[in-house]
Amino acid sequence: CFDFFVASRSAASGIAEVDNAYNFLQDTYDFYMTHHFRNGINNAGMTISTTVRYCESPASCPYSNAFWSGSRLYFGDGWVVNDIVGHEYTHGVTQYEARLEYSGQSGALNEHISDVFGSLVKQSSLDQTAAQADWLIGAGLFAKGVKGVALRSMIAPGTAYDDPRIGK
């Protein structure tokens, strides 16, 4: 488990997953600042506290997910990809900006907004147009042998995976 705070791009740790999280968070911050003139999650330059390779307990390792806790970003082992980082960061923006309750329809809207902005962050960091983007969230996260390409597909909803172990 690694904890860090994002302050600038210049602090490489030498640990690939930590450095990727650091860089993807900076890409996300830059996206929001460049395209929406937003200064951080709370629009007041909030320091981004992050845990990489998070585990709830030794029995839950490796943790297979990522989340925004309301004050901190957490990424399980292998979950540091640019659209997931943008997605979780956007949950923080939504908390401060729209205050959507995370349940029912408002929770579904919260997830959708995070998916869209996660994909936009990825497109921006790869300098892609909407037509060039894959519109997949979490591409490459599945373990070998799982029949699927991503957690969700926004270009073809309901087609991201179909595996007897995890469903459709």
N, C-alpha and C. Protein backbone atom coordinates (compact mmCIF):
# COMPACT_ATOMS: atom_id res chain seq x y z
N CYS A 1 0.85 -1.17 0.00
CA CYS A 1 0.00 0.00 0.00
C CYS A 1 0.90 1.24 0.00
N PHE A 2 0.61 2.18 -0.88
CA PHE A 2 1.39 3.41 -0.98
C PHE A 2 0.46 4.60 -0.89
N ASP A 3 0.77 5.55 -0.01
CA ASP A 3 0.00 6.78 0.12
C ASP A 3 0.84 7.93 -0.41
N PHE A 4 0.19 8.89 -1.09
CA PHE A 4 0.92 10.07 -1.54
C PHE A 4 -0.05 11.21 -1.76
N PHE A 5 0.52 12.40 -1.90
CA PHE A 5 -0.24 13.61 -2.19
C PHE A 5 0.27 14.16 -3.51
N VAL A 6 -0.62 14.62 -4.39
CA VAL A 6 -0.21 15.18 -5.67
C VAL A 6 0.06 16.67 -5.49
N ALA A 7 1.27 17.07 -5.78
CA ALA A 7 1.64 18.48 -5.72
C ALA A 7 2.21 18.95 -7.06
N SER A 8 3.03 18.13 -7.70
CA SER A 8 3.58 18.46 -9.01
C SER A 8 4.02 17.17 -9.69
N ARG A 9 4.32 17.25 -10.99
CA ARG A 9 4.72 16.07 -11.75
C ARG A 9 6.15 15.65 -11.50
N SER A 10 6.90 16.39 -10.76
CA SER A 10 8.34 16.16 -10.67
C SER A 10 8.76 15.13 -9.62
N ALA A 11 7.86 14.51 -8.94
CA ALA A 11 8.22 13.64 -7.82
C ALA A 11 8.08 12.16 -8.15
N ALA A 12 8.87 11.66 -9.09
CA ALA A 12 8.80 10.24 -9.44
C ALA A 12 9.28 9.39 -8.27
N SER A 13 8.56 8.29 -8.01
CA SER A 13 8.91 7.42 -6.88
C SER A 13 9.74 6.23 -7.32
N GLY A 14 9.68 5.89 -8.62
CA GLY A 14 10.34 4.69 -9.10
C GLY A 14 9.46 3.45 -9.01
N ILE A 15 8.26 3.60 -8.46
CA ILE A 15 7.28 2.51 -8.38
C ILE A 15 6.26 2.79 -9.48
N ALA A 16 6.22 1.94 -10.50
CA ALA A 16 5.43 2.22 -11.71
C ALA A 16 3.98 2.58 -11.42
N GLU A 17 3.31 1.81 -10.60
CA GLU A 17 1.89 2.07 -10.35
C GLU A 17 1.67 3.39 -9.61
N VAL A 18 2.55 3.72 -8.70
CA VAL A 18 2.46 5.00 -7.99
C VAL A 18 2.74 6.15 -8.95
N ASP A 19 3.78 6.01 -9.77
CA ASP A 19 4.10 7.06 -10.73
C ASP A 19 2.99 7.23 -11.76
N ASN A 20 2.37 6.13 -12.20
CA ASN A 20 1.25 6.23 -13.13
C ASN A 20 0.08 6.96 -12.48
N ALA A 21 -0.25 6.62 -11.24
CA ALA A 21 -1.34 7.30 -10.54
C ALA A 21 -1.04 8.79 -10.44
N TYR A 22 0.16 9.11 -10.10
CA TYR A 22 0.59 10.49 -9.96
C TYR A 22 0.41 11.23 -11.28
N ASN A 23 0.88 10.62 -12.37
CA ASN A 23 0.79 11.26 -13.68
C ASN A 23 -0.65 11.33 -14.18
N PHE A 24 -1.43 10.27 -13.97
CA PHE A 24 -2.83 10.28 -14.41
C PHE A 24 -3.65 11.29 -13.62
N LEU A 25 -3.34 11.46 -12.34
CA LEU A 25 -4.01 12.49 -11.55
C LEU A 25 -3.66 13.88 -12.07
N GLN A 26 -2.40 14.07 -12.44
CA GLN A 26 -2.02 15.36 -13.01
C GLN A 26 -2.72 15.58 -14.35
N ASP A 27 -2.82 14.52 -15.18
CA ASP A 27 -3.56 14.64 -16.45
C ASP A 27 -5.01 15.04 -16.18
N THR A 28 -5.61 14.45 -15.15
CA THR A 28 -7.00 14.74 -14.82
C THR A 28 -7.15 16.18 -14.34
N TYR A 29 -6.25 16.60 -13.45
CA TYR A 29 -6.27 17.99 -12.99
C TYR A 29 -6.13 18.93 -14.19
N ASP A 30 -5.18 18.64 -15.07
CA ASP A 30 -4.95 19.49 -16.25
C ASP A 30 -6.18 19.55 -17.15
N PHE A 31 -6.85 18.40 -17.34
CA PHE A 31 -8.06 18.37 -18.14
C PHE A 31 -9.11 19.31 -17.57
N TYR A 32 -9.36 19.18 -16.28
CA TYR A 32 -10.38 20.03 -15.65
C TYR A 32 -9.98 21.51 -15.70
N MET A 33 -8.71 21.81 -15.50
CA MET A 33 -8.26 23.20 -15.53
C MET A 33 -8.34 23.76 -16.95
N THR A 34 -7.87 23.01 -17.93
CA THR A 34 -7.82 23.49 -19.32
C THR A 34 -9.21 23.64 -19.92
N HIS A 35 -10.06 22.65 -19.72
CA HIS A 35 -11.36 22.63 -20.40
C HIS A 35 -12.51 23.20 -19.58
N HIS A 36 -12.34 23.26 -18.25
CA HIS A 36 -13.44 23.71 -17.40
C HIS A 36 -13.01 24.77 -16.39
N PHE A 37 -11.76 25.21 -16.48
CA PHE A 37 -11.23 26.25 -15.59
C PHE A 37 -11.49 25.92 -14.12
N ARG A 38 -11.31 24.63 -13.80
CA ARG A 38 -11.58 24.14 -12.45
C ARG A 38 -10.26 23.85 -11.76
N ASN A 39 -10.08 24.41 -10.58
CA ASN A 39 -8.86 24.25 -9.81
C ASN A 39 -9.03 23.12 -8.79
N GLY A 40 -8.91 21.90 -9.25
CA GLY A 40 -8.97 20.75 -8.36
C GLY A 40 -10.38 20.25 -8.10
N ILE A 41 -10.44 19.23 -7.29
CA ILE A 41 -11.72 18.58 -6.99
C ILE A 41 -12.73 19.56 -6.42
N ASN A 42 -12.30 20.42 -5.51
CA ASN A 42 -13.22 21.36 -4.87
C ASN A 42 -13.21 22.75 -5.50
N ASN A 43 -12.47 22.92 -6.57
CA ASN A 43 -12.30 24.19 -7.29
C ASN A 43 -11.59 25.24 -6.45
N ALA A 44 -10.90 24.78 -5.41
CA ALA A 44 -10.12 25.69 -4.56
C ALA A 44 -8.71 25.13 -4.33
N GLY A 45 -8.25 24.28 -5.25
CA GLY A 45 -6.88 23.77 -5.18
C GLY A 45 -6.66 22.68 -4.16
N MET A 46 -7.71 21.96 -3.82
CA MET A 46 -7.61 20.88 -2.82
C MET A 46 -6.47 19.91 -3.14
N THR A 47 -5.67 19.57 -2.14
CA THR A 47 -4.64 18.55 -2.28
C THR A 47 -5.31 17.20 -2.50
N ILE A 48 -4.80 16.44 -3.44
CA ILE A 48 -5.39 15.14 -3.77
C ILE A 48 -4.65 14.06 -3.01
N SER A 49 -5.28 13.50 -2.00
CA SER A 49 -4.71 12.41 -1.22
C SER A 49 -5.09 11.09 -1.89
N THR A 50 -4.12 10.21 -2.04
CA THR A 50 -4.34 8.99 -2.81
C THR A 50 -3.65 7.80 -2.18
N THR A 51 -4.30 6.65 -2.25
CA THR A 51 -3.68 5.39 -1.84
C THR A 51 -3.69 4.46 -3.04
N VAL A 52 -2.54 3.89 -3.34
CA VAL A 52 -2.38 2.94 -4.44
C VAL A 52 -2.06 1.57 -3.83
N ARG A 53 -2.57 0.51 -4.46
CA ARG A 53 -2.47 -0.87 -3.97
C ARG A 53 -3.20 -1.02 -2.64
N TYR A 54 -4.34 -0.37 -2.55
CA TYR A 54 -5.17 -0.40 -1.36
C TYR A 54 -5.70 -1.80 -1.08
N CYS A 55 -5.76 -2.16 0.19
CA CYS A 55 -6.41 -3.38 0.67
C CYS A 55 -7.22 -3.03 1.91
N GLU A 56 -8.44 -3.54 1.99
CA GLU A 56 -9.26 -3.33 3.18
C GLU A 56 -8.67 -4.08 4.37
N SER A 57 -8.14 -5.27 4.09
CA SER A 57 -7.53 -6.11 5.11
C SER A 57 -6.62 -7.09 4.38
N PRO A 58 -5.71 -7.75 5.08
CA PRO A 58 -4.85 -8.73 4.40
C PRO A 58 -5.64 -9.80 3.65
N ALA A 59 -6.81 -10.15 4.15
CA ALA A 59 -7.63 -11.18 3.50
C ALA A 59 -8.25 -10.67 2.20
N SER A 60 -8.34 -9.35 2.02
CA SER A 60 -9.00 -8.79 0.83
C SER A 60 -8.01 -8.43 -0.28
N CYS A 61 -6.75 -8.76 -0.11
CA CYS A 61 -5.75 -8.41 -1.11
C CYS A 61 -5.64 -9.47 -2.18
N PRO A 62 -5.48 -9.14 -3.43
CA PRO A 62 -5.49 -7.75 -3.91
C PRO A 62 -6.92 -7.22 -4.00
N TYR A 63 -7.08 -5.95 -3.67
CA TYR A 63 -8.39 -5.28 -3.76
C TYR A 63 -8.67 -5.00 -5.22
N SER A 64 -9.82 -5.42 -5.71
CA SER A 64 -10.15 -5.29 -7.14
C SER A 64 -11.18 -4.21 -7.38
N ASN A 65 -10.78 -2.98 -7.14
CA ASN A 65 -11.67 -1.86 -7.39
C ASN A 65 -10.93 -0.56 -7.12
N ALA A 66 -11.64 0.53 -7.29
CA ALA A 66 -11.12 1.86 -6.97
C ALA A 66 -12.31 2.67 -6.46
N PHE A 67 -12.04 3.69 -5.63
CA PHE A 67 -13.17 4.49 -5.14
C PHE A 67 -12.69 5.83 -4.60
N TRP A 68 -13.63 6.76 -4.56
CA TRP A 68 -13.49 8.06 -3.91
C TRP A 68 -14.21 7.95 -2.58
N SER A 69 -13.53 8.22 -1.48
CA SER A 69 -14.11 8.04 -0.15
C SER A 69 -14.88 9.26 0.35
N GLY A 70 -14.82 10.33 -0.37
CA GLY A 70 -15.38 11.59 0.10
C GLY A 70 -14.28 12.57 0.44
N SER A 71 -13.05 12.05 0.60
CA SER A 71 -11.90 12.91 0.88
C SER A 71 -10.60 12.37 0.31
N ARG A 72 -10.62 11.16 -0.23
CA ARG A 72 -9.38 10.51 -0.68
C ARG A 72 -9.70 9.54 -1.81
N LEU A 73 -8.73 9.36 -2.72
CA LEU A 73 -8.83 8.39 -3.80
C LEU A 73 -8.12 7.10 -3.41
N TYR A 74 -8.74 5.97 -3.69
CA TYR A 74 -8.16 4.65 -3.40
C TYR A 74 -8.17 3.82 -4.68
N PHE A 75 -7.05 3.15 -4.95
CA PHE A 75 -6.93 2.28 -6.11
C PHE A 75 -6.37 0.94 -5.68
N GLY A 76 -7.10 -0.13 -6.00
CA GLY A 76 -6.60 -1.47 -5.74
C GLY A 76 -5.45 -1.78 -6.69
N ASP A 77 -4.74 -2.84 -6.40
CA ASP A 77 -3.59 -3.26 -7.20
C ASP A 77 -4.02 -3.50 -8.65
N GLY A 78 -3.40 -2.82 -9.59
CA GLY A 78 -3.71 -2.97 -11.00
C GLY A 78 -4.81 -2.05 -11.51
N TRP A 79 -5.40 -1.23 -10.66
CA TRP A 79 -6.52 -0.39 -11.04
C TRP A 79 -6.14 1.03 -11.42
N VAL A 80 -4.85 1.30 -11.55
CA VAL A 80 -4.41 2.63 -11.92
C VAL A 80 -4.32 2.72 -13.45
N VAL A 81 -5.44 3.11 -14.07
CA VAL A 81 -5.48 3.40 -15.50
C VAL A 81 -6.13 4.77 -15.66
N ASN A 82 -5.78 5.48 -16.72
CA ASN A 82 -6.17 6.89 -16.79
C ASN A 82 -7.66 7.15 -16.73
N ASP A 83 -8.50 6.32 -17.37
CA ASP A 83 -9.93 6.60 -17.31
C ASP A 83 -10.52 6.28 -15.94
N ILE A 84 -9.97 5.30 -15.24
CA ILE A 84 -10.44 5.00 -13.88
C ILE A 84 -10.03 6.12 -12.92
N VAL A 85 -8.81 6.63 -13.08
CA VAL A 85 -8.38 7.76 -12.26
C VAL A 85 -9.29 8.96 -12.51
N GLY A 86 -9.56 9.27 -13.78
CA GLY A 86 -10.46 10.37 -14.11
C GLY A 86 -11.87 10.14 -13.58
N HIS A 87 -12.33 8.90 -13.65
CA HIS A 87 -13.66 8.53 -13.15
C HIS A 87 -13.74 8.81 -11.64
N GLU A 88 -12.80 8.29 -10.87
CA GLU A 88 -12.86 8.46 -9.41
C GLU A 88 -12.68 9.91 -9.00
N TYR A 89 -11.80 10.63 -9.66
CA TYR A 89 -11.60 12.05 -9.40
C TYR A 89 -12.93 12.80 -9.63
N THR A 90 -13.63 12.41 -10.70
CA THR A 90 -14.91 13.07 -11.02
C THR A 90 -15.95 12.84 -9.95
N HIS A 91 -15.91 11.70 -9.25
CA HIS A 91 -16.82 11.52 -8.11
C HIS A 91 -16.58 12.63 -7.08
N GLY A 92 -15.34 13.01 -6.89
CA GLY A 92 -15.04 14.11 -5.98
C GLY A 92 -15.58 15.43 -6.50
N VAL A 93 -15.41 15.70 -7.79
CA VAL A 93 -15.94 16.93 -8.39
C VAL A 93 -17.46 16.96 -8.23
N THR A 94 -18.11 15.84 -8.49
CA THR A 94 -19.57 15.76 -8.36
C THR A 94 -20.00 16.01 -6.92
N GLN A 95 -19.24 15.48 -5.97
CA GLN A 95 -19.55 15.71 -4.55
C GLN A 95 -19.55 17.20 -4.23
N TYR A 96 -18.54 17.92 -4.72
CA TYR A 96 -18.43 19.34 -4.39
C TYR A 96 -19.34 20.21 -5.25
N GLU A 97 -19.61 19.79 -6.49
CA GLU A 97 -20.34 20.64 -7.42
C GLU A 97 -21.84 20.36 -7.44
N ALA A 98 -22.24 19.09 -7.58
CA ALA A 98 -23.65 18.75 -7.75
C ALA A 98 -24.29 18.16 -6.51
N ARG A 99 -23.46 17.62 -5.61
CA ARG A 99 -23.93 17.02 -4.36
C ARG A 99 -24.99 15.94 -4.60
N LEU A 100 -24.80 15.13 -5.65
CA LEU A 100 -25.72 14.03 -5.90
C LEU A 100 -25.60 12.97 -4.82
N GLU A 101 -26.70 12.56 -4.25
CA GLU A 101 -26.70 11.48 -3.29
C GLU A 101 -26.29 10.20 -4.02
N TYR A 102 -25.43 9.40 -3.41
CA TYR A 102 -24.93 8.20 -4.08
C TYR A 102 -25.84 7.02 -3.79
N SER A 103 -27.08 7.08 -4.33
CA SER A 103 -28.02 5.96 -4.25
C SER A 103 -29.11 6.18 -5.28
N GLY A 104 -29.72 5.08 -5.71
CA GLY A 104 -30.82 5.16 -6.65
C GLY A 104 -30.45 5.86 -7.94
N GLN A 105 -31.41 6.65 -8.47
CA GLN A 105 -31.20 7.33 -9.74
C GLN A 105 -30.08 8.37 -9.69
N SER A 106 -29.98 9.10 -8.59
CA SER A 106 -28.91 10.09 -8.50
C SER A 106 -27.55 9.40 -8.42
N GLY A 107 -27.49 8.21 -7.81
CA GLY A 107 -26.25 7.44 -7.79
C GLY A 107 -25.87 6.94 -9.18
N ALA A 108 -26.88 6.52 -9.95
CA ALA A 108 -26.63 6.09 -11.33
C ALA A 108 -26.13 7.26 -12.18
N LEU A 109 -26.73 8.43 -11.97
CA LEU A 109 -26.28 9.62 -12.70
C LEU A 109 -24.85 9.98 -12.30
N ASN A 110 -24.54 9.87 -11.01
CA ASN A 110 -23.19 10.11 -10.52
C ASN A 110 -22.19 9.18 -11.23
N GLU A 111 -22.52 7.90 -11.35
CA GLU A 111 -21.65 6.93 -12.04
C GLU A 111 -21.49 7.29 -13.51
N HIS A 112 -22.60 7.65 -14.16
CA HIS A 112 -22.53 7.98 -15.58
C HIS A 112 -21.65 9.21 -15.82
N ILE A 113 -21.84 10.24 -15.03
CA ILE A 113 -21.02 11.44 -15.17
C ILE A 113 -19.55 11.08 -15.01
N SER A 114 -19.24 10.24 -14.04
CA SER A 114 -17.85 9.83 -13.82
C SER A 114 -17.31 9.01 -14.99
N ASP A 115 -18.14 8.15 -15.57
CA ASP A 115 -17.71 7.40 -16.76
C ASP A 115 -17.39 8.34 -17.91
N VAL A 116 -18.29 9.27 -18.18
CA VAL A 116 -18.09 10.20 -19.30
C VAL A 116 -16.81 11.01 -19.09
N PHE A 117 -16.65 11.59 -17.92
CA PHE A 117 -15.47 12.41 -17.69
C PHE A 117 -14.20 11.57 -17.61
N GLY A 118 -14.29 10.34 -17.12
CA GLY A 118 -13.13 9.45 -17.16
C GLY A 118 -12.68 9.20 -18.59
N SER A 119 -13.64 8.98 -19.48
CA SER A 119 -13.31 8.78 -20.88
C SER A 119 -12.77 10.07 -21.51
N LEU A 120 -13.33 11.21 -21.16
CA LEU A 120 -12.84 12.49 -21.69
C LEU A 120 -11.41 12.77 -21.23
N VAL A 121 -11.10 12.43 -19.98
CA VAL A 121 -9.73 12.60 -19.48
C VAL A 121 -8.78 11.73 -20.31
N LYS A 122 -9.18 10.47 -20.54
CA LYS A 122 -8.34 9.57 -21.34
C LYS A 122 -8.15 10.14 -22.74
N GLN A 123 -9.24 10.58 -23.38
CA GLN A 123 -9.15 11.16 -24.72
C GLN A 123 -8.21 12.36 -24.74
N SER A 124 -8.35 13.22 -23.75
CA SER A 124 -7.53 14.42 -23.69
C SER A 124 -6.06 14.07 -23.52
N SER A 125 -5.76 13.13 -22.62
CA SER A 125 -4.36 12.78 -22.38
C SER A 125 -3.73 12.08 -23.58
N LEU A 126 -4.56 11.40 -24.40
CA LEU A 126 -4.07 10.73 -25.61
C LEU A 126 -4.22 11.60 -26.85
N ASP A 127 -4.72 12.83 -26.68
CA ASP A 127 -4.95 13.77 -27.77
C ASP A 127 -5.83 13.16 -28.86
N GLN A 128 -6.93 12.55 -28.42
CA GLN A 128 -7.87 11.90 -29.34
C GLN A 128 -9.12 12.75 -29.54
N THR A 129 -9.73 12.57 -30.70
CA THR A 129 -11.06 13.13 -30.94
C THR A 129 -12.09 12.13 -30.41
N ALA A 130 -13.34 12.54 -30.33
CA ALA A 130 -14.40 11.63 -29.90
C ALA A 130 -14.50 10.43 -30.84
N ALA A 131 -14.28 10.65 -32.13
CA ALA A 131 -14.35 9.55 -33.10
C ALA A 131 -13.21 8.56 -32.93
N GLN A 132 -12.07 9.00 -32.43
CA GLN A 132 -10.91 8.11 -32.24
C GLN A 132 -10.98 7.33 -30.93
N ALA A 133 -11.76 7.80 -29.98
CA ALA A 133 -11.81 7.20 -28.64
C ALA A 133 -12.48 5.84 -28.66
N ASP A 134 -12.09 4.97 -27.72
CA ASP A 134 -12.72 3.65 -27.62
C ASP A 134 -13.98 3.68 -26.76
N TRP A 135 -14.17 4.68 -25.94
CA TRP A 135 -15.32 4.84 -25.07
C TRP A 135 -15.51 3.66 -24.12
N LEU A 136 -14.40 3.02 -23.77
CA LEU A 136 -14.40 1.92 -22.80
C LEU A 136 -13.91 2.45 -21.47
N ILE A 137 -14.49 1.97 -20.40
CA ILE A 137 -14.05 2.33 -19.05
C ILE A 137 -13.39 1.10 -18.45
N GLY A 138 -12.12 1.24 -18.08
CA GLY A 138 -11.39 0.15 -17.46
C GLY A 138 -10.93 -0.92 -18.44
N ALA A 139 -10.60 -0.52 -19.65
CA ALA A 139 -10.09 -1.50 -20.63
C ALA A 139 -8.81 -2.13 -20.09
N GLY A 140 -8.72 -3.43 -20.19
CA GLY A 140 -7.51 -4.14 -19.77
C GLY A 140 -7.45 -4.52 -18.31
N LEU A 141 -8.49 -4.26 -17.54
CA LEU A 141 -8.45 -4.57 -16.11
C LEU A 141 -8.73 -6.03 -15.78
N PHE A 142 -9.41 -6.72 -16.66
CA PHE A 142 -9.80 -8.10 -16.36
C PHE A 142 -8.60 -9.05 -16.35
N ALA A 143 -8.68 -10.03 -15.48
CA ALA A 143 -7.65 -11.06 -15.41
C ALA A 143 -7.68 -11.90 -16.68
N LYS A 144 -6.55 -12.51 -16.96
CA LYS A 144 -6.45 -13.38 -18.13
C LYS A 144 -7.53 -14.45 -18.06
N GLY A 145 -8.18 -14.68 -19.20
CA GLY A 145 -9.22 -15.69 -19.28
C GLY A 145 -10.62 -15.17 -19.10
N VAL A 146 -10.80 -13.94 -18.60
CA VAL A 146 -12.13 -13.36 -18.48
C VAL A 146 -12.55 -12.87 -19.86
N LYS A 147 -13.75 -13.23 -20.26
CA LYS A 147 -14.26 -12.84 -21.58
C LYS A 147 -14.86 -11.44 -21.51
N GLY A 148 -14.02 -10.46 -21.82
CA GLY A 148 -14.46 -9.08 -21.79
C GLY A 148 -13.33 -8.14 -22.13
N VAL A 149 -13.70 -6.92 -22.50
CA VAL A 149 -12.70 -5.93 -22.88
C VAL A 149 -12.57 -4.79 -21.87
N ALA A 150 -13.62 -4.58 -21.06
CA ALA A 150 -13.61 -3.46 -20.11
C ALA A 150 -14.74 -3.64 -19.10
N LEU A 151 -14.77 -2.74 -18.13
CA LEU A 151 -15.87 -2.75 -17.15
C LEU A 151 -17.18 -2.31 -17.79
N ARG A 152 -17.09 -1.27 -18.62
CA ARG A 152 -18.27 -0.75 -19.30
C ARG A 152 -17.88 -0.22 -20.67
N SER A 153 -18.83 -0.29 -21.59
CA SER A 153 -18.67 0.30 -22.91
C SER A 153 -19.75 1.36 -23.08
N MET A 154 -19.33 2.58 -23.36
CA MET A 154 -20.32 3.63 -23.60
C MET A 154 -20.68 3.73 -25.08
N ILE A 155 -19.91 3.09 -25.94
CA ILE A 155 -20.22 3.10 -27.37
C ILE A 155 -21.18 1.96 -27.72
N ALA A 156 -21.12 0.87 -26.93
CA ALA A 156 -22.01 -0.28 -27.14
C ALA A 156 -22.40 -0.82 -25.76
N PRO A 157 -23.28 -0.11 -25.04
CA PRO A 157 -23.65 -0.52 -23.68
C PRO A 157 -24.09 -1.98 -23.61
N GLY A 158 -23.64 -2.64 -22.54
CA GLY A 158 -24.01 -4.03 -22.30
C GLY A 158 -23.13 -5.05 -23.00
N THR A 159 -22.09 -4.58 -23.70
CA THR A 159 -21.24 -5.51 -24.46
C THR A 159 -19.81 -5.60 -23.93
N ALA A 160 -19.49 -4.91 -22.85
CA ALA A 160 -18.10 -4.86 -22.38
C ALA A 160 -17.59 -6.23 -21.93
N TYR A 161 -18.46 -7.05 -21.36
CA TYR A 161 -18.03 -8.39 -20.93
C TYR A 161 -19.22 -9.34 -20.89
N ASP A 162 -18.91 -10.61 -21.01
CA ASP A 162 -19.90 -11.68 -20.93
C ASP A 162 -19.14 -12.93 -20.53
N ASP A 163 -19.06 -13.16 -19.22
CA ASP A 163 -18.25 -14.23 -18.68
C ASP A 163 -19.04 -14.94 -17.58
N PRO A 164 -19.06 -16.25 -17.57
CA PRO A 164 -19.86 -16.96 -16.56
C PRO A 164 -19.45 -16.65 -15.13
N ARG A 165 -18.20 -16.23 -14.90
CA ARG A 165 -17.73 -15.93 -13.54
C ARG A 165 -18.22 -14.59 -13.02
N ILE A 166 -18.41 -13.62 -13.92
CA ILE A 166 -18.78 -12.28 -13.47
C ILE A 166 -20.09 -11.77 -14.05
N GLY A 167 -20.68 -12.55 -14.97
CA GLY A 167 -21.97 -12.15 -15.54
C GLY A 167 -21.81 -11.41 -16.86
N LYS A 168 -22.86 -10.69 -17.21
CA LYS A 168 -22.87 -9.92 -18.45
C LYS A 168 -23.20 -8.48 -18.13
